[in-house]
Amino acid sequence: MIFILLILSVIAGVFLGKLFGKKEQFAKNLLILSAGFLITICLNEVFPQVYASEVDGNLGIFVIAGVLLQMILEALTKGFEHGHFHHHNESSNILPVALMVGLFIHAFIEGIPLANETNPLSPYLLGILFHNLPISFILGAFLFNRSGSKASYPSLLIVALFALASPMGMLLGNYFNPDLQPYFLAVVGGIFLHISSVIIFESNKNHNINWSKIGLVVLGVSLALLMHVFHSHPHGHHH
């Protein structure tokens, strides 16, 4: 079930990207909304879970490792996750291989903490699904909306790889010692934190207050809080 959701979130995003790819503002708004959602998931779900796990050793280091890892991955993807796809229009200056490797590692790692997840409404899973949408949106726009680009096999392969990355991470996660779970979760927390804060804090023009952006962030945060409440007090649902 969760597999299907992960793959669908990518396919839906790519499809939307193909349809609305020219509307860059739509993609940006989707990103900002997902950033508000992600940062809340981070602070409400991921970090409490990480720090509540009785693990010796400083898990904070792993969160920082996640932030650094994401910075390294962005050298490969050139900030693709933040919607910086206007740099990517000259197909020459980005190596799709580097982009793919970056996105794949990123999605793969996010899948690992899902290993023993059975609840399709888990906030962490929703965080990933939410976060997959804008990225696949950009991917779809980038692959299928450039002038003269046909839906070629490489494009479809890239989408398939990206769609399968998190499920593969999830599969692999099943073979890891469950005691490692908090560490992976900490790393992903760092990745989420970096991505969402970059999107939220990217400086507004002249640092004017951008009400629509604030509104979108608040909306994302509210959605995540709703999920949090729903997840903590579900009706007749027990852990």
Protein backbone atom coordinates (compact mmCIF):
# COMPACT_ATOMS: atom_id res chain seq x y z
CA MET A 1 0.00 0.00 0.00
CA ILE A 2 2.71 2.45 1.02
CA PHE A 3 4.74 1.40 -2.00
CA ILE A 4 1.86 2.32 -4.24
CA LEU A 5 1.41 5.69 -2.53
CA LEU A 6 5.10 6.51 -2.93
CA ILE A 7 5.08 5.65 -6.62
CA LEU A 8 1.76 7.43 -7.22
CA SER A 9 2.98 10.63 -5.60
CA VAL A 10 5.82 10.79 -8.12
CA ILE A 11 3.64 9.90 -11.10
CA ALA A 12 1.02 12.45 -10.07
CA GLY A 13 3.70 15.12 -9.68
CA VAL A 14 5.26 14.36 -13.06
CA PHE A 15 1.86 14.41 -14.70
CA LEU A 16 1.04 17.78 -13.15
CA GLY A 17 4.45 19.03 -14.25
CA LYS A 18 3.71 17.97 -17.79
CA LEU A 19 0.39 19.82 -17.69
CA PHE A 20 1.34 22.95 -15.76
CA GLY A 21 5.09 22.94 -16.22
CA LYS A 22 5.07 26.34 -17.88
CA LYS A 23 3.42 27.87 -14.81
CA GLU A 24 6.49 28.38 -12.72
CA GLN A 25 4.58 30.21 -10.01
CA PHE A 26 2.36 27.19 -9.49
CA ALA A 27 5.42 25.01 -8.93
CA LYS A 28 6.92 27.58 -6.55
CA ASN A 29 3.71 27.78 -4.54
CA LEU A 30 3.54 24.01 -4.34
CA LEU A 31 7.12 23.99 -3.06
CA ILE A 32 6.51 26.65 -0.43
CA LEU A 33 3.40 24.82 0.76
CA SER A 34 5.32 21.56 1.02
CA ALA A 35 8.17 23.32 2.84
CA GLY A 36 5.82 24.53 5.56
CA PHE A 37 4.46 21.00 5.81
CA LEU A 38 7.93 19.44 5.91
CA ILE A 39 9.43 21.69 8.54
CA THR A 40 6.46 21.02 10.80
CA ILE A 41 6.74 17.26 10.26
CA CYS A 42 10.41 17.64 11.16
CA LEU A 43 9.80 19.44 14.41
CA ASN A 44 6.66 17.59 15.46
CA GLU A 45 7.29 14.05 14.32
CA VAL A 46 10.79 13.32 13.15
CA PHE A 47 12.86 15.05 15.82
CA PRO A 48 10.77 14.01 18.83
CA GLN A 49 10.91 10.44 17.52
CA VAL A 50 14.67 10.69 17.01
CA TYR A 51 15.36 12.12 20.44
CA ALA A 52 12.90 9.87 22.23
CA SER A 53 14.70 6.77 21.00
CA GLU A 54 16.97 5.54 23.76
CA VAL A 55 20.13 5.55 21.70
CA ASP A 56 23.58 6.15 23.09
CA GLY A 57 25.55 8.70 21.20
CA ASN A 58 24.61 12.08 19.98
CA LEU A 59 21.88 11.85 17.37
CA GLY A 60 22.18 15.56 16.73
CA ILE A 61 25.39 14.79 14.84
CA PHE A 62 23.35 12.66 12.44
CA VAL A 63 20.86 15.45 11.89
CA ILE A 64 23.76 17.73 10.99
CA ALA A 65 25.15 14.97 8.77
CA GLY A 66 21.80 14.99 6.95
CA VAL A 67 22.06 18.74 6.41
CA LEU A 68 25.60 18.36 5.06
CA LEU A 69 24.62 15.41 2.90
CA GLN A 70 21.84 17.46 1.36
CA MET A 71 24.31 20.26 0.65
CA ILE A 72 26.54 17.77 -1.14
CA LEU A 73 23.61 16.31 -3.07
CA GLU A 74 22.67 19.80 -4.17
CA ALA A 75 26.05 20.13 -5.82
CA LEU A 76 24.84 17.28 -8.01
CA THR A 77 21.25 18.44 -8.48
CA LYS A 78 22.00 22.19 -8.56
CA GLY A 79 19.16 22.97 -6.19
CA PHE A 80 16.57 21.12 -8.22
CA GLU A 81 14.70 20.24 -5.01
CA HIS A 82 14.12 23.91 -4.32
CA GLY A 83 12.62 24.56 -7.70
CA HIS A 84 15.77 26.02 -9.21
CA PHE A 85 14.96 24.58 -12.56
CA HIS A 86 15.38 27.74 -14.55
CA HIS A 87 19.11 27.01 -14.51
CA HIS A 88 18.35 23.68 -16.05
CA ASN A 89 16.76 24.85 -19.23
CA GLU A 90 20.02 24.76 -21.10
CA SER A 91 20.16 21.01 -21.16
CA SER A 92 23.91 21.19 -21.70
CA ASN A 93 24.88 22.63 -18.33
CA ILE A 94 23.34 19.93 -16.22
CA LEU A 95 24.39 16.34 -16.36
CA PRO A 96 21.16 14.40 -16.10
CA VAL A 97 23.28 11.62 -14.61
CA ALA A 98 24.41 13.82 -11.74
CA LEU A 99 20.87 15.07 -11.26
CA MET A 100 19.56 11.53 -11.22
CA VAL A 101 22.17 10.29 -8.80
CA GLY A 102 21.45 13.22 -6.48
CA LEU A 103 17.68 12.79 -6.57
CA PHE A 104 17.90 9.03 -6.31
CA ILE A 105 20.15 9.05 -3.23
CA HIS A 106 17.93 11.68 -1.68
CA ALA A 107 14.69 9.73 -2.23
CA PHE A 108 16.35 6.41 -1.39
CA ILE A 109 17.52 7.62 2.02
CA GLU A 110 14.08 9.07 2.75
CA GLY A 111 12.60 5.63 2.14
CA ILE A 112 14.75 3.80 4.68
CA PRO A 113 12.93 4.98 7.83
CA LEU A 114 9.67 3.77 6.27
CA ALA A 115 10.83 0.16 6.62
CA ASN A 116 8.37 -0.94 9.29
CA GLU A 117 5.70 1.63 8.59
CA THR A 118 2.25 0.19 8.04
CA ASN A 119 0.09 3.23 8.58
CA PRO A 120 -0.64 4.96 5.26
CA LEU A 121 -1.42 8.15 7.19
CA SER A 122 1.82 8.33 9.13
CA PRO A 123 2.94 11.97 9.20
CA TYR A 124 6.44 11.01 8.10
CA LEU A 125 5.11 9.19 5.06
CA LEU A 126 2.82 12.11 4.24
CA GLY A 127 5.81 14.40 4.56
CA ILE A 128 7.61 12.39 1.90
CA LEU A 129 4.58 12.17 -0.36
CA PHE A 130 4.03 15.90 -0.03
CA HIS A 131 7.65 16.56 -0.74
CA ASN A 132 7.71 14.21 -3.74
CA LEU A 133 4.96 16.15 -5.46
CA PRO A 134 6.79 19.40 -6.15
CA ILE A 135 10.05 17.64 -7.00
CA SER A 136 8.34 15.32 -9.48
CA PHE A 137 6.37 18.30 -10.73
CA ILE A 138 9.64 20.03 -11.58
CA LEU A 139 11.02 16.80 -12.98
CA GLY A 140 7.97 16.40 -15.23
CA ALA A 141 8.14 20.00 -16.36
CA PHE A 142 11.85 19.67 -17.02
CA LEU A 143 11.68 16.38 -18.90
CA PHE A 144 8.48 16.74 -20.86
CA ASN A 145 8.04 20.45 -21.34
CA ARG A 146 11.24 21.60 -22.92
CA SER A 147 10.85 22.68 -26.48
CA GLY A 148 11.15 19.70 -28.75
CA SER A 149 11.53 17.13 -26.01
CA LYS A 150 9.51 14.02 -26.65
CA ALA A 151 8.61 11.56 -23.94
CA SER A 152 11.76 9.63 -24.67
CA TYR A 153 12.88 6.45 -22.98
CA PRO A 154 15.57 8.20 -20.93
CA SER A 155 12.95 10.58 -19.51
CA LEU A 156 10.63 7.74 -18.62
CA LEU A 157 13.53 5.82 -17.12
CA ILE A 158 14.45 8.81 -14.96
CA VAL A 159 10.88 9.09 -13.70
CA ALA A 160 10.74 5.35 -13.03
CA LEU A 161 14.02 5.44 -11.12
CA PHE A 162 12.91 8.37 -9.02
CA ALA A 163 9.52 6.77 -8.36
CA LEU A 164 11.17 3.56 -7.20
CA ALA A 165 13.93 5.14 -5.10
CA SER A 166 11.95 5.54 -1.85
CA PRO A 167 10.28 2.11 -2.13
CA MET A 168 13.73 0.59 -2.66
CA GLY A 169 15.05 2.40 0.40
CA MET A 170 12.05 1.07 2.29
CA LEU A 171 12.79 -2.49 1.17
CA LEU A 172 16.41 -2.21 2.14
CA GLY A 173 15.42 -0.72 5.47
CA ASN A 174 13.74 -3.99 6.36
CA TYR A 175 17.12 -5.70 6.38
CA PHE A 176 18.79 -3.20 8.66
CA ASN A 177 19.00 -3.63 12.37
CA PRO A 178 15.95 -1.76 13.74
CA ASP A 179 18.31 -0.09 16.23
CA LEU A 180 19.76 1.86 13.31
CA GLN A 181 16.37 3.35 12.51
CA PRO A 182 16.78 6.47 14.69
CA TYR A 183 20.04 7.28 12.93
CA PHE A 184 18.48 7.12 9.49
CA LEU A 185 15.54 9.13 10.72
CA ALA A 186 17.94 11.73 12.11
CA VAL A 187 19.72 12.00 8.76
CA VAL A 188 16.42 12.42 6.92
CA GLY A 189 15.37 15.00 9.51
CA GLY A 190 18.48 16.95 8.58
CA ILE A 191 17.69 16.65 4.87
CA PHE A 192 14.09 17.81 5.40
CA LEU A 193 15.21 20.64 7.63
CA HIS A 194 17.70 21.90 5.07
CA ILE A 195 15.34 21.69 2.12
CA SER A 196 12.37 23.24 3.85
CA SER A 197 14.32 26.05 5.46
CA VAL A 198 16.08 26.96 2.21
CA ILE A 199 12.73 27.16 0.45
CA ILE A 200 11.12 29.15 3.26
CA PHE A 201 14.02 31.49 3.92
CA GLU A 202 15.17 32.13 0.38
CA SER A 203 15.34 35.87 0.51
CA ASN A 204 12.35 37.72 -0.82
CA LYS A 205 13.08 40.49 -3.24
CA ASN A 206 14.32 43.48 -1.20
CA HIS A 207 13.27 41.55 1.90
CA ASN A 208 9.77 42.89 1.59
CA ILE A 209 7.10 40.93 3.39
CA ASN A 210 5.71 38.43 0.98
CA TRP A 211 2.25 37.75 2.34
CA SER A 212 1.35 35.08 -0.17
CA LYS A 213 4.51 33.17 0.74
CA ILE A 214 3.82 33.51 4.46
CA GLY A 215 0.25 32.40 3.83
CA LEU A 216 1.40 29.32 1.95
CA VAL A 217 3.89 28.41 4.68
CA VAL A 218 1.21 28.83 7.34
CA LEU A 219 -1.15 26.68 5.27
CA GLY A 220 1.51 23.96 5.00
CA VAL A 221 2.19 24.17 8.72
CA SER A 222 -1.52 23.98 9.52
CA LEU A 223 -1.97 20.90 7.34
CA ALA A 224 0.90 19.19 9.11
CA LEU A 225 -0.48 20.16 12.52
CA LEU A 226 -3.85 18.73 11.56
CA MET A 227 -2.15 15.49 10.57
CA HIS A 228 -0.29 15.55 13.87
CA VAL A 229 -3.48 15.88 15.89
CA PHE A 230 -5.19 13.26 13.77
CA HIS A 231 -2.26 10.91 14.16
CA SER A 232 -1.95 11.38 17.92
CA HIS A 233 -5.64 10.91 18.65
CA PRO A 234 -7.04 8.72 15.93
CA HIS A 235 -10.47 7.27 16.52
CA GLY A 236 -10.17 3.75 17.78
CA HIS A 237 -6.68 3.41 16.35
CA HIS A 238 -3.98 1.98 18.54
CA HIS A 239 -0.25 1.72 18.01
